């Protein structure tokens, strides 16, 4: 009997090699996409200069200690309808202007700065917010007394219609400093 030749089909006519190639091509494409996203959108939450940041913390504590020495307390009210910011400041400092910073812990584009000016009533300051601010924020109030800058700084849950109280919490991180 004559031998029957075996028929071999070419690899590219089979389904399984194309499935394997498709999986590999998809993983390479997705990997390159992720690399391009990582390169084009760097993480800006990491501080490269830790030493300078540490020195800045000490300067900040000095400003907060000055605020505590002046016995400063502030009540901040944000009006949802008009965007008006009303601040009542009590203590031994009444500057003409104050700066209120509403800082988002993770999204710098949501940070807001409000310039507050002294109204006709002592201790009452007014300013204007451009848009609605809600959620967890670091609330920073800056002012000056006799050429020195003081600071009230607290983490608050900001909502319109809610009064925020600054200066009511104990100063953290200054236990080692003399008062």
C-alpha atoms as a PDB file:
ATOM      1  CA  UNK A   1       0.000   0.000   0.000  1.00  0.00           C
ATOM      2  CA  UNK A   2       1.198   3.412  -0.803  1.00  0.00           C
ATOM      3  CA  UNK A   3       1.832   5.768   2.100  1.00  0.00           C
ATOM      4  CA  UNK A   4      -0.640   8.594   2.403  1.00  0.00           C
ATOM      5  CA  UNK A   5       0.999  11.948   2.858  1.00  0.00           C
ATOM      6  CA  UNK A   6       0.060  13.871   6.036  1.00  0.00           C
ATOM      7  CA  UNK A   7      -1.466  17.245   5.478  1.00  0.00           C
ATOM      8  CA  UNK A   8      -0.111  20.072   7.599  1.00  0.00           C
ATOM      9  CA  UNK A   9      -2.035  23.306   7.630  1.00  0.00           C
ATOM     10  CA  UNK A  10      -0.175  26.573   7.898  1.00  0.00           C
ATOM     11  CA  UNK A  11      -0.153  28.159  11.376  1.00  0.00           C
ATOM     12  CA  UNK A  12      -1.856  31.419  10.345  1.00  0.00           C
ATOM     13  CA  UNK A  13      -4.910  29.529   9.171  1.00  0.00           C
ATOM     14  CA  UNK A  14      -5.563  28.249  12.701  1.00  0.00           C
ATOM     15  CA  UNK A  15      -7.540  30.187  15.347  1.00  0.00           C
ATOM     16  CA  UNK A  16      -5.448  29.559  18.472  1.00  0.00           C
ATOM     17  CA  UNK A  17      -2.232  31.319  17.362  1.00  0.00           C
ATOM     18  CA  UNK A  18      -4.267  34.459  16.599  1.00  0.00           C
ATOM     19  CA  UNK A  19      -5.923  34.382  20.028  1.00  0.00           C
ATOM     20  CA  UNK A  20      -2.492  34.186  21.708  1.00  0.00           C
ATOM     21  CA  UNK A  21      -1.109  36.980  19.498  1.00  0.00           C
ATOM     22  CA  UNK A  22      -4.202  39.085  20.285  1.00  0.00           C
ATOM     23  CA  UNK A  23      -3.707  38.677  24.047  1.00  0.00           C
ATOM     24  CA  UNK A  24      -0.030  39.635  23.782  1.00  0.00           C
ATOM     25  CA  UNK A  25      -0.744  42.630  21.534  1.00  0.00           C
ATOM     26  CA  UNK A  26      -3.477  43.866  23.895  1.00  0.00           C
ATOM     27  CA  UNK A  27      -1.204  43.623  26.946  1.00  0.00           C
ATOM     28  CA  UNK A  28       1.612  45.511  25.170  1.00  0.00           C
ATOM     29  CA  UNK A  29      -0.821  48.236  24.015  1.00  0.00           C
ATOM     30  CA  UNK A  30      -2.335  48.664  27.486  1.00  0.00           C
ATOM     31  CA  UNK A  31       1.129  48.733  29.098  1.00  0.00           C
ATOM     32  CA  UNK A  32       2.320  51.475  26.739  1.00  0.00           C
ATOM     33  CA  UNK A  33      -0.897  53.423  27.386  1.00  0.00           C
ATOM     34  CA  UNK A  34      -0.371  53.228  31.155  1.00  0.00           C
ATOM     35  CA  UNK A  35       3.261  54.354  30.806  1.00  0.00           C
ATOM     36  CA  UNK A  36       2.221  57.370  28.716  1.00  0.00           C
ATOM     37  CA  UNK A  37      -0.477  58.305  31.267  1.00  0.00           C
ATOM     38  CA  UNK A  38       2.043  58.052  34.117  1.00  0.00           C
ATOM     39  CA  UNK A  39       4.603  60.192  32.276  1.00  0.00           C
ATOM     40  CA  UNK A  40       2.109  62.857  31.169  1.00  0.00           C
ATOM     41  CA  UNK A  41       0.328  63.167  34.555  1.00  0.00           C
ATOM     42  CA  UNK A  42       2.945  63.157  37.336  1.00  0.00           C
ATOM     43  CA  UNK A  43       1.897  62.928  40.976  1.00  0.00           C
ATOM     44  CA  UNK A  44       2.205  66.416  42.460  1.00  0.00           C
ATOM     45  CA  UNK A  45       1.486  65.375  46.055  1.00  0.00           C
ATOM     46  CA  UNK A  46       5.083  64.333  46.714  1.00  0.00           C
ATOM     47  CA  UNK A  47       7.454  67.018  47.962  1.00  0.00           C
ATOM     48  CA  UNK A  48      10.981  66.647  46.612  1.00  0.00           C
ATOM     49  CA  UNK A  49      12.618  68.966  49.125  1.00  0.00           C
ATOM     50  CA  UNK A  50      11.868  67.527  52.555  1.00  0.00           C
ATOM     51  CA  UNK A  51      14.385  69.686  54.399  1.00  0.00           C
ATOM     52  CA  UNK A  52      12.863  72.967  53.212  1.00  0.00           C
ATOM     53  CA  UNK A  53       9.385  71.653  54.008  1.00  0.00           C
ATOM     54  CA  UNK A  54      10.549  70.828  57.535  1.00  0.00           C
ATOM     55  CA  UNK A  55      11.915  74.347  58.022  1.00  0.00           C
ATOM     56  CA  UNK A  56       8.599  75.703  56.748  1.00  0.00           C
ATOM     57  CA  UNK A  57       6.747  73.739  59.424  1.00  0.00           C
ATOM     58  CA  UNK A  58       8.728  75.532  62.131  1.00  0.00           C
ATOM     59  CA  UNK A  59       7.949  78.939  60.573  1.00  0.00           C
ATOM     60  CA  UNK A  60       4.295  77.937  60.406  1.00  0.00           C
ATOM     61  CA  UNK A  61       4.295  76.898  64.072  1.00  0.00           C
ATOM     62  CA  UNK A  62       5.752  80.288  64.991  1.00  0.00           C
ATOM     63  CA  UNK A  63       2.846  81.990  63.220  1.00  0.00           C
ATOM     64  CA  UNK A  64       0.333  79.725  64.942  1.00  0.00           C
ATOM     65  CA  UNK A  65       1.939  80.359  68.330  1.00  0.00           C
ATOM     66  CA  UNK A  66       1.592  84.105  67.696  1.00  0.00           C
ATOM     67  CA  UNK A  67      -2.096  83.570  66.930  1.00  0.00           C
ATOM     68  CA  UNK A  68      -2.472  81.632  70.160  1.00  0.00           C
ATOM     69  CA  UNK A  69      -0.601  84.315  72.130  1.00  0.00           C
ATOM     70  CA  UNK A  70      -2.950  86.966  70.740  1.00  0.00           C
ATOM     71  CA  UNK A  71      -5.910  84.774  71.891  1.00  0.00           C
ATOM     72  CA  UNK A  72      -7.426  84.787  68.417  1.00  0.00           C
ATOM     73  CA  UNK A  73     -10.644  82.984  67.554  1.00  0.00           C
ATOM     74  CA  UNK A  74     -12.650  83.300  64.365  1.00  0.00           C
ATOM     75  CA  UNK A  75     -16.147  82.292  63.302  1.00  0.00           C
ATOM     76  CA  UNK A  76     -16.451  81.862  59.539  1.00  0.00           C
ATOM     77  CA  UNK A  77     -19.818  81.710  57.798  1.00  0.00           C
ATOM     78  CA  UNK A  78     -20.144  80.924  54.059  1.00  0.00           C
ATOM     79  CA  UNK A  79     -23.404  82.043  52.419  1.00  0.00           C
ATOM     80  CA  UNK A  80     -24.515  79.528  49.788  1.00  0.00           C
ATOM     81  CA  UNK A  81     -26.764  81.914  47.858  1.00  0.00           C
ATOM     82  CA  UNK A  82     -24.631  85.052  47.594  1.00  0.00           C
ATOM     83  CA  UNK A  83     -21.151  83.517  48.011  1.00  0.00           C
ATOM     84  CA  UNK A  84     -20.430  86.025  50.782  1.00  0.00           C
ATOM     85  CA  UNK A  85     -17.891  85.071  53.438  1.00  0.00           C
ATOM     86  CA  UNK A  86     -18.458  86.646  56.837  1.00  0.00           C
ATOM     87  CA  UNK A  87     -15.783  86.286  59.491  1.00  0.00           C
ATOM     88  CA  UNK A  88     -15.956  87.436  63.102  1.00  0.00           C
ATOM     89  CA  UNK A  89     -12.548  87.738  64.732  1.00  0.00           C
ATOM     90  CA  UNK A  90     -12.014  88.052  68.478  1.00  0.00           C
ATOM     91  CA  UNK A  91      -8.712  88.543  70.253  1.00  0.00           C
ATOM     92  CA  UNK A  92      -5.902  91.075  70.455  1.00  0.00           C
ATOM     93  CA  UNK A  93      -5.518  91.752  66.717  1.00  0.00           C
ATOM     94  CA  UNK A  94      -7.787  93.656  64.324  1.00  0.00           C
ATOM     95  CA  UNK A  95      -5.901  94.157  61.028  1.00  0.00           C
ATOM     96  CA  UNK A  96      -7.543  95.938  58.080  1.00  0.00           C
ATOM     97  CA  UNK A  97      -7.366  92.857  55.831  1.00  0.00           C
ATOM     98  CA  UNK A  98      -7.215  89.104  56.302  1.00  0.00           C
ATOM     99  CA  UNK A  99      -6.545  86.226  53.922  1.00  0.00           C
ATOM    100  CA  UNK A 100      -8.714  83.112  54.132  1.00  0.00           C
ATOM    101  CA  UNK A 101      -7.437  80.009  52.320  1.00  0.00           C
ATOM    102  CA  UNK A 102      -9.642  76.960  51.807  1.00  0.00           C
ATOM    103  CA  UNK A 103      -7.144  74.264  50.854  1.00  0.00           C
ATOM    104  CA  UNK A 104      -8.142  70.898  49.400  1.00  0.00           C
ATOM    105  CA  UNK A 105      -5.917  68.128  50.804  1.00  0.00           C
ATOM    106  CA  UNK A 106      -5.670  66.272  47.477  1.00  0.00           C
ATOM    107  CA  UNK A 107      -6.837  68.527  44.646  1.00  0.00           C
ATOM    108  CA  UNK A 108      -4.884  71.807  44.271  1.00  0.00           C
ATOM    109  CA  UNK A 109      -7.248  73.059  41.559  1.00  0.00           C
ATOM    110  CA  UNK A 110     -10.009  73.208  44.213  1.00  0.00           C
ATOM    111  CA  UNK A 111      -8.041  75.538  46.522  1.00  0.00           C
ATOM    112  CA  UNK A 112      -9.708  78.917  47.106  1.00  0.00           C
ATOM    113  CA  UNK A 113      -8.275  82.184  48.427  1.00  0.00           C
ATOM    114  CA  UNK A 114     -10.566  84.901  49.776  1.00  0.00           C
ATOM    115  CA  UNK A 115      -9.457  88.437  50.666  1.00  0.00           C
ATOM    116  CA  UNK A 116     -11.410  89.700  53.664  1.00  0.00           C
ATOM    117  CA  UNK A 117     -11.701  93.392  54.547  1.00  0.00           C
ATOM    118  CA  UNK A 118     -12.774  94.963  57.802  1.00  0.00           C
ATOM    119  CA  UNK A 119     -16.347  96.194  57.652  1.00  0.00           C
ATOM    120  CA  UNK A 120     -17.682  99.118  59.684  1.00  0.00           C
ATOM    121  CA  UNK A 121     -18.280  96.857  62.677  1.00  0.00           C
ATOM    122  CA  UNK A 122     -15.182  95.946  64.783  1.00  0.00           C
ATOM    123  CA  UNK A 123     -14.066  92.352  64.332  1.00  0.00           C
ATOM    124  CA  UNK A 124     -16.340  91.734  61.329  1.00  0.00           C
ATOM    125  CA  UNK A 125     -14.711  90.968  57.972  1.00  0.00           C
ATOM    126  CA  UNK A 126     -16.367  90.398  54.611  1.00  0.00           C
ATOM    127  CA  UNK A 127     -15.221  88.732  51.400  1.00  0.00           C
ATOM    128  CA  UNK A 128     -16.602  87.022  48.318  1.00  0.00           C
ATOM    129  CA  UNK A 129     -16.291  83.419  47.099  1.00  0.00           C
ATOM    130  CA  UNK A 130     -16.457  82.857  43.347  1.00  0.00           C
ATOM    131  CA  UNK A 131     -17.974  79.381  43.553  1.00  0.00           C
ATOM    132  CA  UNK A 132     -19.342  76.813  45.963  1.00  0.00           C
ATOM    133  CA  UNK A 133     -16.851  75.111  48.303  1.00  0.00           C
ATOM    134  CA  UNK A 134     -17.772  71.942  50.149  1.00  0.00           C
ATOM    135  CA  UNK A 135     -16.074  68.959  51.721  1.00  0.00           C
ATOM    136  CA  UNK A 136     -12.988  68.393  53.794  1.00  0.00           C
ATOM    137  CA  UNK A 137     -10.616  71.384  53.690  1.00  0.00           C
ATOM    138  CA  UNK A 138      -7.665  72.819  55.525  1.00  0.00           C
ATOM    139  CA  UNK A 139      -8.871  76.263  56.577  1.00  0.00           C
ATOM    140  CA  UNK A 140      -6.102  78.839  56.987  1.00  0.00           C
ATOM    141  CA  UNK A 141      -6.600  82.397  58.190  1.00  0.00           C
ATOM    142  CA  UNK A 142      -3.658  84.805  57.881  1.00  0.00           C
ATOM    143  CA  UNK A 143      -3.307  88.274  59.356  1.00  0.00           C
ATOM    144  CA  UNK A 144      -0.625  90.614  60.630  1.00  0.00           C
ATOM    145  CA  UNK A 145       0.002  92.335  63.940  1.00  0.00           C
ATOM    146  CA  UNK A 146       2.911  94.792  64.399  1.00  0.00           C
ATOM    147  CA  UNK A 147       4.730  93.484  61.329  1.00  0.00           C
ATOM    148  CA  UNK A 148       4.429  89.824  62.316  1.00  0.00           C
ATOM    149  CA  UNK A 149       2.153  87.387  60.513  1.00  0.00           C
ATOM    150  CA  UNK A 150      -0.141  85.206  62.579  1.00  0.00           C
ATOM    151  CA  UNK A 151      -2.042  82.156  61.440  1.00  0.00           C
ATOM    152  CA  UNK A 152      -5.090  80.129  62.455  1.00  0.00           C
ATOM    153  CA  UNK A 153      -5.114  76.718  60.787  1.00  0.00           C
ATOM    154  CA  UNK A 154      -7.491  73.802  61.210  1.00  0.00           C
ATOM    155  CA  UNK A 155      -8.969  70.923  59.263  1.00  0.00           C
ATOM    156  CA  UNK A 156     -12.709  71.391  58.884  1.00  0.00           C
ATOM    157  CA  UNK A 157     -15.642  69.925  56.989  1.00  0.00           C
ATOM    158  CA  UNK A 158     -16.750  72.942  54.946  1.00  0.00           C
ATOM    159  CA  UNK A 159     -20.383  73.371  53.955  1.00  0.00           C
ATOM    160  CA  UNK A 160     -22.443  76.425  53.104  1.00  0.00           C
ATOM    161  CA  UNK A 161     -24.681  77.549  55.920  1.00  0.00           C
ATOM    162  CA  UNK A 162     -22.372  76.002  58.547  1.00  0.00           C
ATOM    163  CA  UNK A 163     -20.275  78.225  60.816  1.00  0.00           C
ATOM    164  CA  UNK A 164     -16.628  77.167  61.068  1.00  0.00           C
ATOM    165  CA  UNK A 165     -14.809  77.938  64.301  1.00  0.00           C
ATOM    166  CA  UNK A 166     -11.054  78.550  64.083  1.00  0.00           C
ATOM    167  CA  UNK A 167      -8.755  78.800  67.077  1.00  0.00           C
ATOM    168  CA  UNK A 168     -10.831  76.493  69.271  1.00  0.00           C
ATOM    169  CA  UNK A 169      -8.489  73.489  69.005  1.00  0.00           C
ATOM    170  CA  UNK A 170      -5.222  72.952  70.825  1.00  0.00           C
ATOM    171  CA  UNK A 171      -2.115  73.671  68.739  1.00  0.00           C
ATOM    172  CA  UNK A 172      -0.667  70.334  67.578  1.00  0.00           C
ATOM    173  CA  UNK A 173       3.045  69.811  67.054  1.00  0.00           C
ATOM    174  CA  UNK A 174       4.171  72.655  69.331  1.00  0.00           C
ATOM    175  CA  UNK A 175       4.401  70.719  72.601  1.00  0.00           C
ATOM    176  CA  UNK A 176       8.199  71.063  72.640  1.00  0.00           C
ATOM    177  CA  UNK A 177       8.170  74.844  72.138  1.00  0.00           C
ATOM    178  CA  UNK A 178       8.053  77.264  75.048  1.00  0.00           C
ATOM    179  CA  UNK A 179       4.911  79.323  75.189  1.00  0.00           C
END
